[in-house]
Every structure is written in C-alpha cells, then in structure tokens.
C-alpha cells in the first residue's frame, strides 16, 4: 500500500476505490461463514468482475483469506473470509 505525503492514512493501489473496498469488506465481515465471490457481489451490490478484482487485492494485502471447497465435479469453489 502507498502512503500519501499529505496524509498519514494508507491509500489502496491504483484502480481501487475506497468506498467500493469498504462495501466489499463490510459484506465479508458481516458473515459468520466464508462466502463465494458471487455471494459477496450480491451483498455489496457490485458486479462480479469488480468484486473479484477487489477480492484479489484484499487477499494480496492479507486482509482476507481465500479458501477452496472441493466438490465431486468441476472446479473448486473459492470462498473468502476475514483474516484473523
């Protein structure tokens, strides 16, 4: 994360809007169980592609944890939860 010279608060990377970021974080924080990107997208009211970009950023910053749930057929489901 970058820090602005005029402000002590950290700024997210380019392309990350702080209000959208907070909506997505709030959606995850409000859940007792890990959520899929689709569930988070619906809760936050943000498109799925935007949600995935923000989730990738949050995982990279170690704010959330990405887990995989394996089923019997197809790709594993990626689930997200707040890091402790």
PDB file of N, CA and C in Angstrom:
ATOM      1  N   UNK A   1       0.840  -1.180   0.000  1.00  0.00           N
ATOM      2  CA  UNK A   1       0.000   0.000   0.000  1.00  0.00           C
ATOM      3  C   UNK A   1       0.886   1.245   0.000  1.00  0.00           C
ATOM      4  N   UNK A   2       0.440   2.264  -0.687  1.00  0.00           N
ATOM      5  CA  UNK A   2       1.166   3.524  -0.735  1.00  0.00           C
ATOM      6  C   UNK A   2       0.657   4.458   0.344  1.00  0.00           C
ATOM      7  N   UNK A   3       1.531   5.341   0.781  1.00  0.00           N
ATOM      8  CA  UNK A   3       1.140   6.347   1.774  1.00  0.00           C
ATOM      9  C   UNK A   3       1.334   7.716   1.153  1.00  0.00           C
ATOM     10  N   UNK A   4       0.293   8.512   1.220  1.00  0.00           N
ATOM     11  CA  UNK A   4       0.343   9.871   0.694  1.00  0.00           C
ATOM     12  C   UNK A   4       1.201  10.735   1.601  1.00  0.00           C
ATOM     13  N   UNK A   5       1.950  11.669   1.009  1.00  0.00           N
ATOM     14  CA  UNK A   5       2.799  12.556   1.791  1.00  0.00           C
ATOM     15  C   UNK A   5       1.982  13.491   2.667  1.00  0.00           C
ATOM     16  N   UNK A   6       0.787  13.869   2.222  1.00  0.00           N
ATOM     17  CA  UNK A   6      -0.009  14.826   2.980  1.00  0.00           C
ATOM     18  C   UNK A   6      -0.941  14.161   3.971  1.00  0.00           C
ATOM     19  N   UNK A   7      -1.059  12.852   3.916  1.00  0.00           N
ATOM     20  CA  UNK A   7      -1.991  12.147   4.782  1.00  0.00           C
ATOM     21  C   UNK A   7      -1.331  10.907   5.365  1.00  0.00           C
ATOM     22  N   UNK A   8      -1.483  10.678   6.661  1.00  0.00           N
ATOM     23  CA  UNK A   8      -0.879   9.503   7.266  1.00  0.00           C
ATOM     24  C   UNK A   8      -1.643   8.204   6.974  1.00  0.00           C
ATOM     25  N   UNK A   9      -2.860   8.287   6.430  1.00  0.00           N
ATOM     26  CA  UNK A   9      -3.641   7.075   6.178  1.00  0.00           C
ATOM     27  C   UNK A   9      -3.191   6.402   4.893  1.00  0.00           C
ATOM     28  N   UNK A  10      -3.096   5.051   4.908  1.00  0.00           N
ATOM     29  CA  UNK A  10      -2.666   4.337   3.710  1.00  0.00           C
ATOM     30  C   UNK A  10      -3.707   4.401   2.601  1.00  0.00           C
ATOM     31  N   UNK A  11      -3.229   4.483   1.359  1.00  0.00           N
ATOM     32  CA  UNK A  11      -4.114   4.513   0.205  1.00  0.00           C
ATOM     33  C   UNK A  11      -4.011   3.196  -0.543  1.00  0.00           C
ATOM     34  N   UNK A  12      -5.137   2.656  -1.032  1.00  0.00           N
ATOM     35  CA  UNK A  12      -5.070   1.425  -1.811  1.00  0.00           C
ATOM     36  C   UNK A  12      -4.407   1.671  -3.167  1.00  0.00           C
ATOM     37  N   UNK A  13      -4.073   0.581  -3.841  1.00  0.00           N
ATOM     38  CA  UNK A  13      -3.423   0.679  -5.153  1.00  0.00           C
ATOM     39  C   UNK A  13      -4.322   1.340  -6.181  1.00  0.00           C
ATOM     40  N   UNK A  14      -3.748   1.748  -7.281  1.00  0.00           N
ATOM     41  CA  UNK A  14      -4.486   2.391  -8.361  1.00  0.00           C
ATOM     42  C   UNK A  14      -5.618   1.480  -8.844  1.00  0.00           C
ATOM     43  N   UNK A  15      -6.786   2.061  -9.073  1.00  0.00           N
ATOM     44  CA  UNK A  15      -7.935   1.291  -9.539  1.00  0.00           C
ATOM     45  C   UNK A  15      -8.811   0.762  -8.421  1.00  0.00           C
ATOM     46  N   UNK A  16      -8.406   0.965  -7.181  1.00  0.00           N
ATOM     47  CA  UNK A  16      -9.194   0.515  -6.028  1.00  0.00           C
ATOM     48  C   UNK A  16      -9.837   1.737  -5.386  1.00  0.00           C
ATOM     49  N   UNK A  17     -11.160   1.776  -5.427  1.00  0.00           N
ATOM     50  CA  UNK A  17     -11.916   2.873  -4.821  1.00  0.00           C
ATOM     51  C   UNK A  17     -12.205   2.514  -3.368  1.00  0.00           C
ATOM     52  N   UNK A  18     -11.886   3.413  -2.463  1.00  0.00           N
ATOM     53  CA  UNK A  18     -12.011   3.137  -1.032  1.00  0.00           C
ATOM     54  C   UNK A  18     -13.463   2.824  -0.630  1.00  0.00           C
ATOM     55  N   UNK A  19     -14.442   3.485  -1.261  1.00  0.00           N
ATOM     56  CA  UNK A  19     -15.847   3.229  -0.906  1.00  0.00           C
ATOM     57  C   UNK A  19     -16.287   1.838  -1.342  1.00  0.00           C
ATOM     58  N   UNK A  20     -15.884   1.443  -2.525  1.00  0.00           N
ATOM     59  CA  UNK A  20     -16.208   0.096  -3.011  1.00  0.00           C
ATOM     60  C   UNK A  20     -15.490  -0.940  -2.163  1.00  0.00           C
ATOM     61  N   UNK A  21     -14.247  -0.670  -1.827  1.00  0.00           N
ATOM     62  CA  UNK A  21     -13.474  -1.567  -0.984  1.00  0.00           C
ATOM     63  C   UNK A  21     -14.166  -1.777   0.364  1.00  0.00           C
ATOM     64  N   UNK A  22     -14.649  -0.704   0.956  1.00  0.00           N
ATOM     65  CA  UNK A  22     -15.337  -0.802   2.252  1.00  0.00           C
ATOM     66  C   UNK A  22     -16.640  -1.580   2.134  1.00  0.00           C
ATOM     67  N   UNK A  23     -17.372  -1.412   1.046  1.00  0.00           N
ATOM     68  CA  UNK A  23     -18.625  -2.170   0.840  1.00  0.00           C
ATOM     69  C   UNK A  23     -18.352  -3.666   0.785  1.00  0.00           C
ATOM     70  N   UNK A  24     -17.298  -4.030   0.081  1.00  0.00           N
ATOM     71  CA  UNK A  24     -16.949  -5.445  -0.050  1.00  0.00           C
ATOM     72  C   UNK A  24     -16.456  -5.996   1.283  1.00  0.00           C
ATOM     73  N   UNK A  25     -15.597  -5.257   1.981  1.00  0.00           N
ATOM     74  CA  UNK A  25     -15.117  -5.701   3.289  1.00  0.00           C
ATOM     75  C   UNK A  25     -16.269  -5.848   4.274  1.00  0.00           C
ATOM     76  N   UNK A  26     -17.200  -4.904   4.255  1.00  0.00           N
ATOM     77  CA  UNK A  26     -18.355  -4.953   5.156  1.00  0.00           C
ATOM     78  C   UNK A  26     -19.212  -6.191   4.877  1.00  0.00           C
ATOM     79  N   UNK A  27     -19.371  -6.545   3.618  1.00  0.00           N
ATOM     80  CA  UNK A  27     -20.149  -7.729   3.244  1.00  0.00           C
ATOM     81  C   UNK A  27     -19.514  -9.003   3.797  1.00  0.00           C
ATOM     82  N   UNK A  28     -18.192  -9.069   3.755  1.00  0.00           N
ATOM     83  CA  UNK A  28     -17.487 -10.246   4.252  1.00  0.00           C
ATOM     84  C   UNK A  28     -17.500 -10.275   5.774  1.00  0.00           C
ATOM     85  N   UNK A  29     -17.254  -9.140   6.387  1.00  0.00           N
ATOM     86  CA  UNK A  29     -17.205  -9.051   7.841  1.00  0.00           C
ATOM     87  C   UNK A  29     -18.545  -9.413   8.483  1.00  0.00           C
ATOM     88  N   UNK A  30     -19.631  -9.089   7.811  1.00  0.00           N
ATOM     89  CA  UNK A  30     -20.963  -9.340   8.350  1.00  0.00           C
ATOM     90  C   UNK A  30     -21.399 -10.786   8.315  1.00  0.00           C
ATOM     91  N   UNK A  31     -20.590 -11.664   7.740  1.00  0.00           N
ATOM     92  CA  UNK A  31     -20.964 -13.075   7.619  1.00  0.00           C
ATOM     93  C   UNK A  31     -20.216 -13.945   8.629  1.00  0.00           C
ATOM     94  N   UNK A  32     -20.923 -14.933   9.151  1.00  0.00           N
ATOM     95  CA  UNK A  32     -20.306 -15.872  10.081  1.00  0.00           C
ATOM     96  C   UNK A  32     -19.554 -16.983   9.351  1.00  0.00           C
ATOM     97  N   UNK A  33     -19.835 -17.160   8.063  1.00  0.00           N
ATOM     98  CA  UNK A  33     -19.245 -18.237   7.269  1.00  0.00           C
ATOM     99  C   UNK A  33     -18.529 -17.657   6.054  1.00  0.00           C
ATOM    100  N   UNK A  34     -17.536 -18.370   5.525  1.00  0.00           N
ATOM    101  CA  UNK A  34     -16.889 -17.917   4.289  1.00  0.00           C
ATOM    102  C   UNK A  34     -17.909 -17.775   3.153  1.00  0.00           C
ATOM    103  N   UNK A  35     -17.692 -16.801   2.290  1.00  0.00           N
ATOM    104  CA  UNK A  35     -18.613 -16.513   1.188  1.00  0.00           C
ATOM    105  C   UNK A  35     -17.919 -16.653  -0.154  1.00  0.00           C
ATOM    106  N   UNK A  36     -18.688 -16.977  -1.187  1.00  0.00           N
ATOM    107  CA  UNK A  36     -18.169 -17.019  -2.550  1.00  0.00           C
ATOM    108  C   UNK A  36     -18.155 -15.598  -3.119  1.00  0.00           C
ATOM    109  N   UNK A  37     -17.434 -15.418  -4.207  1.00  0.00           N
ATOM    110  CA  UNK A  37     -17.384 -14.110  -4.869  1.00  0.00           C
ATOM    111  C   UNK A  37     -18.782 -13.684  -5.309  1.00  0.00           C
ATOM    112  N   UNK A  38     -19.570 -14.636  -5.777  1.00  0.00           N
ATOM    113  CA  UNK A  38     -20.936 -14.326  -6.214  1.00  0.00           C
ATOM    114  C   UNK A  38     -21.800 -13.836  -5.048  1.00  0.00           C
ATOM    115  N   UNK A  39     -21.683 -14.487  -3.903  1.00  0.00           N
ATOM    116  CA  UNK A  39     -22.443 -14.061  -2.723  1.00  0.00           C
ATOM    117  C   UNK A  39     -22.018 -12.670  -2.275  1.00  0.00           C
ATOM    118  N   UNK A  40     -20.719 -12.420  -2.261  1.00  0.00           N
ATOM    119  CA  UNK A  40     -20.202 -11.113  -1.852  1.00  0.00           C
ATOM    120  C   UNK A  40     -20.661 -10.037  -2.830  1.00  0.00           C
ATOM    121  N   UNK A  41     -20.647 -10.364  -4.111  1.00  0.00           N
ATOM    122  CA  UNK A  41     -21.088  -9.444  -5.148  1.00  0.00           C
ATOM    123  C   UNK A  41     -22.529  -9.000  -4.913  1.00  0.00           C
ATOM    124  N   UNK A  42     -23.383  -9.955  -4.621  1.00  0.00           N
ATOM    125  CA  UNK A  42     -24.799  -9.638  -4.373  1.00  0.00           C
ATOM    126  C   UNK A  42     -24.981  -8.816  -3.104  1.00  0.00           C
ATOM    127  N   UNK A  43     -24.277  -9.175  -2.042  1.00  0.00           N
ATOM    128  CA  UNK A  43     -24.394  -8.438  -0.781  1.00  0.00           C
ATOM    129  C   UNK A  43     -23.892  -7.006  -0.913  1.00  0.00           C
ATOM    130  N   UNK A  44     -22.812  -6.816  -1.658  1.00  0.00           N
ATOM    131  CA  UNK A  44     -22.207  -5.488  -1.797  1.00  0.00           C
ATOM    132  C   UNK A  44     -22.879  -4.654  -2.874  1.00  0.00           C
ATOM    133  N   UNK A  45     -23.645  -5.310  -3.766  1.00  0.00           N
ATOM    134  CA  UNK A  45     -24.277  -4.577  -4.859  1.00  0.00           C
ATOM    135  C   UNK A  45     -23.278  -4.127  -5.907  1.00  0.00           C
ATOM    136  N   UNK A  46     -22.270  -4.967  -6.139  1.00  0.00           N
ATOM    137  CA  UNK A  46     -21.183  -4.653  -7.069  1.00  0.00           C
ATOM    138  C   UNK A  46     -21.106  -5.786  -8.087  1.00  0.00           C
ATOM    139  N   UNK A  47     -20.698  -5.484  -9.311  1.00  0.00           N
ATOM    140  CA  UNK A  47     -20.601  -6.526 -10.339  1.00  0.00           C
ATOM    141  C   UNK A  47     -19.621  -7.617  -9.911  1.00  0.00           C
ATOM    142  N   UNK A  48     -19.819  -8.805 -10.450  1.00  0.00           N
ATOM    143  CA  UNK A  48     -18.978  -9.942 -10.101  1.00  0.00           C
ATOM    144  C   UNK A  48     -17.525  -9.713 -10.513  1.00  0.00           C
ATOM    145  N   UNK A  49     -17.293  -9.150 -11.683  1.00  0.00           N
ATOM    146  CA  UNK A  49     -15.911  -8.916 -12.123  1.00  0.00           C
ATOM    147  C   UNK A  49     -15.210  -7.891 -11.223  1.00  0.00           C
ATOM    148  N   UNK A  50     -15.923  -6.847 -10.824  1.00  0.00           N
ATOM    149  CA  UNK A  50     -15.354  -5.856  -9.904  1.00  0.00           C
ATOM    150  C   UNK A  50     -15.076  -6.502  -8.557  1.00  0.00           C
ATOM    151  N   UNK A  51     -16.018  -7.296  -8.080  1.00  0.00           N
ATOM    152  CA  UNK A  51     -15.844  -7.979  -6.798  1.00  0.00           C
ATOM    153  C   UNK A  51     -14.601  -8.856  -6.820  1.00  0.00           C
ATOM    154  N   UNK A  52     -14.402  -9.596  -7.899  1.00  0.00           N
ATOM    155  CA  UNK A  52     -13.223 -10.470  -7.999  1.00  0.00           C
ATOM    156  C   UNK A  52     -11.927  -9.663  -7.962  1.00  0.00           C
ATOM    157  N   UNK A  53     -11.906  -8.510  -8.606  1.00  0.00           N
ATOM    158  CA  UNK A  53     -10.710  -7.652  -8.567  1.00  0.00           C
ATOM    159  C   UNK A  53     -10.410  -7.195  -7.144  1.00  0.00           C
ATOM    160  N   UNK A  54     -11.437  -6.779  -6.434  1.00  0.00           N
ATOM    161  CA  UNK A  54     -11.258  -6.313  -5.063  1.00  0.00           C
ATOM    162  C   UNK A  54     -10.881  -7.458  -4.134  1.00  0.00           C
ATOM    163  N   UNK A  55     -11.454  -8.641  -4.352  1.00  0.00           N
ATOM    164  CA  UNK A  55     -11.105  -9.797  -3.531  1.00  0.00           C
ATOM    165  C   UNK A  55      -9.640 -10.166  -3.735  1.00  0.00           C
ATOM    166  N   UNK A  56      -9.174 -10.104  -4.959  1.00  0.00           N
ATOM    167  CA  UNK A  56      -7.771 -10.384  -5.260  1.00  0.00           C
ATOM    168  C   UNK A  56      -6.873  -9.395  -4.517  1.00  0.00           C
ATOM    169  N   UNK A  57      -7.246  -8.130  -4.538  1.00  0.00           N
ATOM    170  CA  UNK A  57      -6.494  -7.101  -3.826  1.00  0.00           C
ATOM    171  C   UNK A  57      -6.478  -7.383  -2.320  1.00  0.00           C
ATOM    172  N   UNK A  58      -7.635  -7.718  -1.753  1.00  0.00           N
ATOM    173  CA  UNK A  58      -7.735  -7.980  -0.309  1.00  0.00           C
ATOM    174  C   UNK A  58      -6.936  -9.218   0.100  1.00  0.00           C
ATOM    175  N   UNK A  59      -6.900 -10.230  -0.745  1.00  0.00           N
ATOM    176  CA  UNK A  59      -6.088 -11.424  -0.467  1.00  0.00           C
ATOM    177  C   UNK A  59      -4.603 -11.048  -0.502  1.00  0.00           C
ATOM    178  N   UNK A  60      -4.220 -10.279  -1.516  1.00  0.00           N
ATOM    179  CA  UNK A  60      -2.827  -9.845  -1.658  1.00  0.00           C
ATOM    180  C   UNK A  60      -2.364  -9.038  -0.449  1.00  0.00           C
ATOM    181  N   UNK A  61      -3.254  -8.220   0.086  1.00  0.00           N
ATOM    182  CA  UNK A  61      -2.935  -7.390   1.250  1.00  0.00           C
ATOM    183  C   UNK A  61      -3.105  -8.148   2.574  1.00  0.00           C
ATOM    184  N   UNK A  62      -3.477  -9.419   2.494  1.00  0.00           N
ATOM    185  CA  UNK A  62      -3.668 -10.301   3.647  1.00  0.00           C
ATOM    186  C   UNK A  62      -4.748  -9.794   4.604  1.00  0.00           C
ATOM    187  N   UNK A  63      -5.759  -9.153   4.045  1.00  0.00           N
ATOM    188  CA  UNK A  63      -6.906  -8.679   4.821  1.00  0.00           C
ATOM    189  C   UNK A  63      -7.960  -9.777   4.893  1.00  0.00           C
ATOM    190  N   UNK A  64      -8.063 -10.545   3.812  1.00  0.00           N
ATOM    191  CA  UNK A  64      -8.973 -11.684   3.784  1.00  0.00           C
ATOM    192  C   UNK A  64      -8.196 -12.936   3.397  1.00  0.00           C
ATOM    193  N   UNK A  65      -8.813 -14.088   3.650  1.00  0.00           N
ATOM    194  CA  UNK A  65      -8.226 -15.384   3.319  1.00  0.00           C
ATOM    195  C   UNK A  65      -9.100 -16.057   2.277  1.00  0.00           C
ATOM    196  N   UNK A  66      -8.443 -16.622   1.271  1.00  0.00           N
ATOM    197  CA  UNK A  66      -9.148 -17.368   0.233  1.00  0.00           C
ATOM    198  C   UNK A  66      -9.002 -18.857   0.535  1.00  0.00           C
ATOM    199  N   UNK A  67     -10.128 -19.555   0.594  1.00  0.00           N
ATOM    200  CA  UNK A  67     -10.137 -20.994   0.815  1.00  0.00           C
ATOM    201  C   UNK A  67     -10.769 -21.652  -0.398  1.00  0.00           C
ATOM    202  N   UNK A  68     -10.467 -22.916  -0.605  1.00  0.00           N
ATOM    203  CA  UNK A  68     -11.089 -23.643  -1.707  1.00  0.00           C
ATOM    204  C   UNK A  68     -11.918 -24.787  -1.147  1.00  0.00           C
ATOM    205  N   UNK A  69     -13.119 -24.922  -1.691  1.00  0.00           N
ATOM    206  CA  UNK A  69     -14.016 -26.006  -1.296  1.00  0.00           C
ATOM    207  C   UNK A  69     -14.157 -26.922  -2.506  1.00  0.00           C
ATOM    208  N   UNK A  70     -13.752 -28.154  -2.330  1.00  0.00           N
ATOM    209  CA  UNK A  70     -13.769 -29.106  -3.434  1.00  0.00           C
ATOM    210  C   UNK A  70     -15.054 -29.902  -3.437  1.00  0.00           C
ATOM    211  N   UNK A  71     -15.670 -30.000  -4.608  1.00  0.00           N
ATOM    212  CA  UNK A  71     -16.857 -30.814  -4.805  1.00  0.00           C
ATOM    213  C   UNK A  71     -16.479 -32.079  -5.553  1.00  0.00           C
ATOM    214  N   UNK A  72     -17.469 -32.800  -6.009  1.00  0.00           N
ATOM    215  CA  UNK A  72     -17.196 -34.041  -6.725  1.00  0.00           C
ATOM    216  C   UNK A  72     -16.908 -33.795  -8.205  1.00  0.00           C
ATOM    217  N   UNK A  73     -17.456 -32.735  -8.776  1.00  0.00           N
ATOM    218  CA  UNK A  73     -17.286 -32.452 -10.199  1.00  0.00           C
ATOM    219  C   UNK A  73     -16.982 -30.969 -10.397  1.00  0.00           C
ATOM    220  N   UNK A  74     -16.136 -30.662 -11.366  1.00  0.00           N
ATOM    221  CA  UNK A  74     -15.895 -29.267 -11.730  1.00  0.00           C
ATOM    222  C   UNK A  74     -14.794 -28.615 -10.913  1.00  0.00           C
ATOM    223  N   UNK A  75     -14.718 -27.310 -11.064  1.00  0.00           N
ATOM    224  CA  UNK A  75     -13.699 -26.516 -10.384  1.00  0.00           C
ATOM    225  C   UNK A  75     -14.033 -26.370  -8.908  1.00  0.00           C
ATOM    226  N   UNK A  76     -12.989 -26.185  -8.093  1.00  0.00           N
ATOM    227  CA  UNK A  76     -13.262 -25.919  -6.680  1.00  0.00           C
ATOM    228  C   UNK A  76     -13.894 -24.535  -6.518  1.00  0.00           C
ATOM    229  N   UNK A  77     -14.708 -24.390  -5.497  1.00  0.00           N
ATOM    230  CA  UNK A  77     -15.348 -23.115  -5.183  1.00  0.00           C
ATOM    231  C   UNK A  77     -14.412 -22.329  -4.283  1.00  0.00           C
ATOM    232  N   UNK A  78     -14.152 -21.088  -4.644  1.00  0.00           N
ATOM    233  CA  UNK A  78     -13.307 -20.221  -3.820  1.00  0.00           C
ATOM    234  C   UNK A  78     -14.191 -19.475  -2.836  1.00  0.00           C
ATOM    235  N   UNK A  79     -13.824 -19.552  -1.575  1.00  0.00           N
ATOM    236  CA  UNK A  79     -14.565 -18.893  -0.509  1.00  0.00           C
ATOM    237  C   UNK A  79     -13.639 -17.913   0.197  1.00  0.00           C
ATOM    238  N   UNK A  80     -14.215 -16.836   0.704  1.00  0.00           N
ATOM    239  CA  UNK A  80     -13.445 -15.765   1.303  1.00  0.00           C
ATOM    240  C   UNK A  80     -13.952 -15.467   2.701  1.00  0.00           C
ATOM    241  N   UNK A  81     -12.989 -15.177   3.605  1.00  0.00           N
ATOM    242  CA  UNK A  81     -13.309 -14.780   4.975  1.00  0.00           C
ATOM    243  C   UNK A  81     -12.263 -13.780   5.456  1.00  0.00           C
ATOM    244  N   UNK A  82     -12.613 -13.013   6.468  1.00  0.00           N
ATOM    245  CA  UNK A  82     -11.687 -12.044   7.036  1.00  0.00           C
ATOM    246  C   UNK A  82     -10.561 -12.778   7.748  1.00  0.00           C
ATOM    247  N   UNK A  83      -9.336 -12.313   7.550  1.00  0.00           N
ATOM    248  CA  UNK A  83      -8.171 -12.895   8.233  1.00  0.00           C
ATOM    249  C   UNK A  83      -8.224 -12.499   9.708  1.00  0.00           C
ATOM    250  N   UNK A  84      -7.784 -13.391  10.540  1.00  0.00           N
ATOM    251  CA  UNK A  84      -7.785 -13.103  11.992  1.00  0.00           C
ATOM    252  C   UNK A  84      -6.524 -12.436  12.433  1.00  0.00           C
TER     253      UNK A  84
END
